[in-house]
Amino acid sequence: MIIKLTYSNMLGERNYMPNRYIIDTSSLIQFPQILAHSGNRKIVIPRVVNEELSFQRRNSEKQPWAELITSAKVTVIAPPDTLKQEPVPSDKNARRLSSGDFEIVRTAIMYTEQQGAESPCVVTEDNALKHFLKMRGIESISGSEFLKTNKRNVTNKVIHDAAKDVVSKQRKQLLVSFSFGVLSTIIGSLVYKYFDVLVTTISVWGTIICLPIIGVFLFRYRERDRLSYGIFEFIVGFLIACHVLFPSFDYSQLHLPEGIKIIGGLYVMVRGLDNIGKGVIGTRLESRWRKLFYKNA
C-alpha cells in the first residue's frame, strides 16, 4: 500500500504499480540503469528503439547496447499490425513526433487494448511524446522517476555495473569531443594568424594543392565527430564576428563589408549549433538540447 501511494502521489492518477514499462530511446540512453531495476516488472523495448540503439552502436563501438539488452533479458517487440484506435499522424499534437515515437505510441495502445485498465507506462524524456500519450490516457514517467519508484526492487548488479560503464564511456566521449573541438579552434586560429607566413613558405601552388586536402580533412572530421566539429565551427564563427569589433571598432564606421563579416560569423555560429545538435543525438545531452532549443520537446 505504501508503494502504491508513493506512485500515485508522483503521477497524480494511478492507484497501482504498472506491471509493464515501455522504454523510449531517450530514457534508455540517459538512464541505462533502468535495465537493472526491472525486478518483477516487465520491461518492453519497441523494435524501433532497439534499431536506434543499433545505429548508435555502429557509430560508436564504445556503447555495447546489444550486449546490455541481451544480458537484461528484456522483451523487444515489433509494432502491432493493426489497432482498434489508430493514432492519427495529422493530429496537431502529433506534429512534433517522429516515426519512432509513433511506433512507441502504437505499442502502448496495443497493450492498453489488450489489458484494459492494466495499461502500461511509457518511460521517456520526450515532453511532446508524454503529452501525446496523456491525451490518450496512457501514463508516462521519466527515467529518473522510474528509478525512484523501482528502487526497492532487487537490482541486477552485473547489469547495473555494465550500465554504469556505458554512462562513463558516454561522458568520456563527450569530454573528448569538447576538448578536441576547442583544440581544433586553437589550431585554426594559429593558422589564420600566421597565414601570410605559411603562404610565403609553401608557395602559391603549394597553397592551392593544400586547400582541397584541408577541405576533405574538415569534411572527414565533421562526419567522424560532428559534436566536436560543431563546437569548432561555432567558436570560429564567433571569432569571425569578433574580428570586426576588435581591437578597435566605431559603430559610426560600420559599412557593408564589416556588416557582411558579422552576418557571416553569425551564420557560421548557427551552422555550428546545427552540427552540435546532430552530434548530441544518441548521447546523454540529447534530451537537454531538445528542451533548450525545441518548443515542447
Protein backbone atom coordinates (compact mmCIF):
# COMPACT_ATOMS: atom_id res chain seq x y z
CA MET A 1 0.00 0.00 0.00
CA ILE A 2 2.85 2.40 0.76
CA ILE A 3 4.41 1.81 -2.66
CA LYS A 4 1.05 2.37 -4.37
CA LEU A 5 0.51 5.66 -2.58
CA THR A 6 4.01 6.82 -3.43
CA TYR A 7 3.48 6.10 -7.11
CA SER A 8 0.05 7.69 -7.06
CA ASN A 9 1.43 10.86 -5.49
CA MET A 10 4.12 11.10 -8.14
CA LEU A 11 1.77 10.73 -11.11
CA GLY A 12 -1.41 12.04 -9.52
CA GLU A 13 -3.72 9.40 -11.04
CA ARG A 14 -2.74 5.74 -10.79
CA ASN A 15 -3.57 3.64 -7.74
CA TYR A 16 -1.32 0.75 -8.70
CA MET A 17 2.12 -0.01 -9.99
CA PRO A 18 2.10 -0.84 -13.71
CA ASN A 19 3.29 -4.36 -14.48
CA ARG A 20 4.80 -3.35 -17.80
CA TYR A 21 7.10 -0.49 -18.79
CA ILE A 22 7.78 0.55 -22.38
CA ILE A 23 11.19 2.21 -22.60
CA ASP A 24 11.93 5.03 -25.05
CA THR A 25 15.39 5.57 -26.57
CA SER A 26 15.87 8.89 -24.77
CA SER A 27 15.44 7.35 -21.31
CA LEU A 28 17.48 4.25 -22.07
CA ILE A 29 20.42 6.33 -23.29
CA GLN A 30 20.31 8.65 -20.30
CA PHE A 31 19.44 6.01 -17.69
CA PRO A 32 20.68 2.58 -18.86
CA GLN A 33 20.47 1.50 -15.19
CA ILE A 34 16.74 1.02 -15.90
CA LEU A 35 17.60 -2.40 -17.31
CA ALA A 36 18.96 -3.47 -13.92
CA HIS A 37 15.92 -2.29 -11.93
CA SER A 38 13.16 -4.28 -13.60
CA GLY A 39 12.62 -6.57 -10.60
CA ASN A 40 9.35 -8.42 -11.22
CA ARG A 41 8.15 -5.76 -13.66
CA LYS A 42 8.21 -6.50 -17.38
CA ILE A 43 10.35 -4.15 -19.43
CA VAL A 44 9.47 -3.80 -23.09
CA ILE A 45 11.71 -2.23 -25.72
CA PRO A 46 9.96 -1.42 -29.01
CA ARG A 47 11.78 -2.62 -32.08
CA VAL A 48 12.40 0.95 -33.25
CA VAL A 49 14.29 1.70 -30.01
CA ASN A 50 16.48 -1.35 -30.50
CA GLU A 51 17.15 -0.24 -34.10
CA GLU A 52 18.06 3.28 -33.00
CA LEU A 53 20.45 1.90 -30.41
CA SER A 54 21.94 -0.43 -33.02
CA PHE A 55 22.55 2.60 -35.22
CA GLN A 56 24.31 4.33 -32.34
CA ARG A 57 26.39 1.19 -31.79
CA ARG A 58 27.56 1.24 -35.41
CA ASN A 59 28.71 4.82 -34.93
CA SER A 60 30.28 4.22 -31.54
CA GLU A 61 31.73 0.89 -30.54
CA LYS A 62 32.09 2.27 -27.01
CA GLN A 63 28.37 1.75 -26.26
CA PRO A 64 27.57 -2.02 -26.24
CA TRP A 65 23.78 -1.66 -26.24
CA ALA A 66 23.12 -5.07 -27.81
CA GLU A 67 25.09 -6.88 -25.12
CA LEU A 68 23.40 -4.86 -22.37
CA ILE A 69 19.88 -5.53 -23.66
CA THR A 70 20.61 -9.23 -24.20
CA SER A 71 22.03 -9.61 -20.69
CA ALA A 72 18.99 -7.89 -19.17
CA LYS A 73 16.66 -10.36 -20.93
CA VAL A 74 14.08 -7.72 -21.77
CA THR A 75 11.39 -8.11 -24.41
CA VAL A 76 12.00 -6.49 -27.79
CA ILE A 77 8.62 -6.25 -29.53
CA ALA A 78 7.56 -5.36 -33.06
CA PRO A 79 4.72 -2.86 -33.56
CA PRO A 80 1.19 -4.25 -33.98
CA ASP A 81 -0.17 -4.75 -37.49
CA THR A 82 -3.49 -3.12 -36.68
CA LEU A 83 -5.16 -1.34 -33.78
CA LYS A 84 -8.78 -0.65 -32.92
CA GLN A 85 -7.91 3.02 -32.44
CA GLU A 86 -5.02 4.04 -34.63
CA PRO A 87 -3.24 7.29 -33.67
CA VAL A 88 -3.67 9.90 -36.39
CA PRO A 89 -0.35 11.37 -37.64
CA SER A 90 -2.13 14.52 -38.82
CA ASP A 91 -3.30 15.29 -35.26
CA LYS A 92 -1.93 18.71 -34.25
CA ASN A 93 -0.47 17.14 -31.12
CA ALA A 94 1.40 14.61 -33.26
CA ARG A 95 3.29 17.03 -35.48
CA ARG A 96 6.33 17.04 -33.21
CA LEU A 97 6.54 13.26 -33.03
CA SER A 98 8.92 11.18 -35.12
CA SER A 99 8.05 7.90 -36.84
CA GLY A 100 9.84 6.16 -33.97
CA ASP A 101 7.63 7.93 -31.44
CA PHE A 102 4.55 6.67 -33.29
CA GLU A 103 5.79 3.10 -33.04
CA ILE A 104 6.14 3.57 -29.27
CA VAL A 105 2.62 5.06 -29.12
CA ARG A 106 1.17 2.18 -31.14
CA THR A 107 2.91 -0.36 -28.89
CA ALA A 108 1.45 1.33 -25.80
CA ILE A 109 -2.03 1.43 -27.34
CA MET A 110 -1.73 -2.28 -28.23
CA TYR A 111 -1.11 -3.21 -24.58
CA THR A 112 -3.88 -0.86 -23.44
CA GLU A 113 -6.39 -2.52 -25.77
CA GLN A 114 -5.24 -5.99 -24.66
CA GLN A 115 -5.08 -5.33 -20.90
CA GLY A 116 -7.74 -2.68 -20.37
CA ALA A 117 -7.24 -0.85 -17.08
CA GLU A 118 -3.86 -2.51 -16.57
CA SER A 119 -2.33 -0.33 -19.25
CA PRO A 120 1.46 0.04 -19.49
CA CYS A 121 3.59 3.03 -18.55
CA VAL A 122 5.96 4.61 -21.07
CA VAL A 123 9.36 5.75 -19.78
CA THR A 124 10.58 8.72 -21.82
CA GLU A 125 12.31 12.10 -21.57
CA ASP A 126 10.38 13.48 -24.56
CA ASN A 127 7.76 16.00 -23.38
CA ALA A 128 5.97 16.02 -26.74
CA LEU A 129 5.57 12.25 -26.56
CA LYS A 130 4.41 12.47 -22.94
CA HIS A 131 1.72 14.99 -23.92
CA PHE A 132 0.55 12.85 -26.83
CA LEU A 133 0.28 9.80 -24.55
CA LYS A 134 -1.56 11.78 -21.87
CA MET A 135 -4.20 12.84 -24.40
CA ARG A 136 -4.89 9.12 -24.90
CA GLY A 137 -4.98 8.23 -21.22
CA ILE A 138 -1.61 6.46 -21.22
CA GLU A 139 0.76 7.20 -18.36
CA SER A 140 4.39 8.17 -18.82
CA ILE A 141 7.27 8.93 -16.50
CA SER A 142 10.89 9.96 -16.87
CA GLY A 143 13.84 7.64 -16.40
CA SER A 144 14.70 9.21 -13.04
CA GLU A 145 11.10 8.68 -11.83
CA PHE A 146 11.28 5.05 -12.89
CA LEU A 147 14.44 4.51 -10.85
CA LYS A 148 12.83 6.17 -7.82
CA THR A 149 9.62 4.14 -7.98
CA ASN A 150 11.53 0.89 -8.50
CA LYS A 151 14.39 1.48 -6.08
CA ARG A 152 13.06 -1.21 -3.71
CA ASN A 153 13.26 -3.86 -6.42
CA VAL A 154 16.24 -6.20 -6.42
CA THR A 155 18.97 -4.77 -8.63
CA ASN A 156 20.92 -6.98 -11.00
CA LYS A 157 24.43 -5.94 -10.02
CA VAL A 158 26.03 -7.24 -13.23
CA ILE A 159 23.65 -5.22 -15.42
CA HIS A 160 23.93 -2.22 -13.12
CA ASP A 161 27.74 -2.21 -13.36
CA ALA A 162 27.59 -2.64 -17.14
CA ALA A 163 25.14 0.28 -17.37
CA LYS A 164 27.43 2.46 -15.24
CA ASP A 165 30.26 1.59 -17.61
CA VAL A 166 28.14 2.74 -20.58
CA VAL A 167 27.37 6.04 -18.81
CA SER A 168 31.05 6.53 -18.01
CA LYS A 169 32.03 5.95 -21.65
CA GLN A 170 29.38 8.41 -22.81
CA ARG A 171 30.75 11.11 -20.51
CA LYS A 172 34.33 10.48 -21.62
CA GLN A 173 33.28 10.61 -25.27
CA LEU A 174 31.53 13.96 -24.76
CA LEU A 175 34.55 15.36 -22.89
CA VAL A 176 36.93 14.23 -25.64
CA SER A 177 34.71 15.76 -28.33
CA PHE A 178 34.52 19.08 -26.48
CA SER A 179 38.29 19.15 -25.86
CA PHE A 180 39.10 18.26 -29.46
CA GLY A 181 36.72 20.98 -30.69
CA VAL A 182 38.50 23.62 -28.60
CA LEU A 183 41.92 22.32 -29.71
CA SER A 184 40.85 22.47 -33.36
CA THR A 185 39.78 26.08 -32.87
CA ILE A 186 43.16 26.99 -31.39
CA ILE A 187 44.98 25.35 -34.31
CA GLY A 188 42.69 27.10 -36.80
CA SER A 189 43.29 30.46 -35.12
CA LEU A 190 47.06 29.98 -35.30
CA VAL A 191 46.84 29.07 -38.99
CA TYR A 192 44.78 32.21 -39.64
CA LYS A 193 47.16 34.40 -37.65
CA TYR A 194 50.26 33.16 -39.46
CA PHE A 195 48.59 32.60 -42.82
CA ASP A 196 50.91 35.01 -44.66
CA VAL A 197 53.97 33.23 -43.31
CA LEU A 198 52.55 29.85 -44.34
CA VAL A 199 51.75 31.08 -47.85
CA THR A 200 55.22 32.50 -48.43
CA THR A 201 56.76 29.33 -47.05
CA ILE A 202 54.90 26.76 -49.14
CA SER A 203 54.36 28.97 -52.23
CA VAL A 204 51.12 29.72 -54.10
CA TRP A 205 50.97 26.33 -55.82
CA GLY A 206 51.52 24.58 -52.53
CA THR A 207 48.61 26.53 -51.07
CA ILE A 208 46.35 25.63 -53.99
CA ILE A 209 47.16 21.95 -53.53
CA CYS A 210 46.64 22.12 -49.75
CA LEU A 211 43.21 23.78 -49.89
CA PRO A 212 41.25 20.77 -51.26
CA ILE A 213 43.16 18.46 -48.92
CA ILE A 214 42.17 20.62 -45.96
CA GLY A 215 38.57 20.65 -47.25
CA VAL A 216 38.47 16.85 -47.40
CA PHE A 217 40.04 16.64 -43.93
CA LEU A 218 37.41 19.00 -42.48
CA PHE A 219 34.60 17.01 -44.10
CA ARG A 220 36.04 13.78 -42.67
CA TYR A 221 36.37 15.49 -39.29
CA ARG A 222 32.70 16.53 -39.38
CA GLU A 223 31.46 13.09 -40.38
CA ARG A 224 33.53 11.29 -37.74
CA ASP A 225 32.85 13.62 -34.81
CA ARG A 226 30.02 16.05 -35.57
CA LEU A 227 29.80 17.28 -31.98
CA SER A 228 33.46 18.28 -31.87
CA TYR A 229 33.25 19.82 -35.34
CA GLY A 230 30.15 21.79 -34.32
CA ILE A 231 31.97 23.24 -31.31
CA PHE A 232 34.90 24.14 -33.55
CA GLU A 233 32.57 25.74 -36.11
CA PHE A 234 30.64 27.75 -33.50
CA ILE A 235 33.82 29.20 -31.95
CA VAL A 236 35.25 30.02 -35.40
CA GLY A 237 32.03 31.88 -36.28
CA PHE A 238 32.24 33.80 -33.03
CA LEU A 239 35.86 34.76 -33.75
CA ILE A 240 34.97 35.85 -37.28
CA ALA A 241 32.29 38.22 -35.95
CA CYS A 242 34.55 39.48 -33.15
CA HIS A 243 37.38 40.14 -35.60
CA VAL A 244 35.34 43.06 -36.95
CA LEU A 245 34.89 44.54 -33.48
CA PHE A 246 38.39 44.20 -32.07
CA PRO A 247 40.89 45.58 -31.29
CA SER A 248 39.04 48.84 -32.01
CA PHE A 249 35.66 49.49 -33.50
CA ASP A 250 33.45 52.50 -34.05
CA TYR A 251 29.80 51.87 -34.87
CA SER A 252 29.77 55.03 -36.97
CA GLN A 253 32.35 53.38 -39.25
CA LEU A 254 30.24 50.26 -39.78
CA HIS A 255 29.90 49.71 -43.54
CA LEU A 256 28.67 46.93 -45.79
CA PRO A 257 31.90 44.83 -45.74
CA GLU A 258 32.01 44.84 -41.94
CA GLY A 259 28.29 44.04 -41.73
CA ILE A 260 28.72 41.11 -44.12
CA LYS A 261 31.56 39.75 -41.97
CA ILE A 262 29.42 39.93 -38.83
CA ILE A 263 26.48 38.25 -40.57
CA GLY A 264 28.87 35.63 -41.97
CA GLY A 265 30.18 34.94 -38.46
CA LEU A 266 26.63 34.56 -37.15
CA TYR A 267 25.79 32.18 -39.99
CA VAL A 268 28.80 30.02 -39.16
CA MET A 269 27.75 30.03 -35.49
CA VAL A 270 24.25 28.84 -36.42
CA ARG A 271 25.74 26.10 -38.62
CA GLY A 272 27.93 25.12 -35.69
CA LEU A 273 24.90 24.84 -33.41
CA ASP A 274 23.16 22.72 -36.04
CA ASN A 275 26.10 20.31 -36.11
CA ILE A 276 26.25 20.25 -32.31
CA GLY A 277 22.54 19.37 -32.24
CA LYS A 278 23.14 16.48 -34.64
CA GLY A 279 26.24 15.46 -32.73
CA VAL A 280 24.44 15.07 -29.38
CA ILE A 281 21.82 12.71 -30.85
CA GLY A 282 22.12 9.41 -29.05
CA THR A 283 24.01 10.90 -26.11
CA ARG A 284 23.02 11.95 -22.60
CA LEU A 285 22.88 15.56 -23.81
CA GLU A 286 20.20 14.98 -26.44
CA SER A 287 17.17 15.45 -24.17
CA ARG A 288 18.67 18.58 -22.60
CA TRP A 289 19.48 20.01 -26.03
CA ARG A 290 15.92 19.39 -27.24
CA LYS A 291 14.43 21.02 -24.16
CA LEU A 292 16.69 24.04 -24.64
CA PHE A 293 16.01 24.67 -28.33
CA TYR A 294 12.80 22.91 -29.29
CA LYS A 295 9.33 24.00 -28.27
CA ASN A 296 7.52 21.42 -26.11
CA ALA A 297 10.35 18.96 -26.63
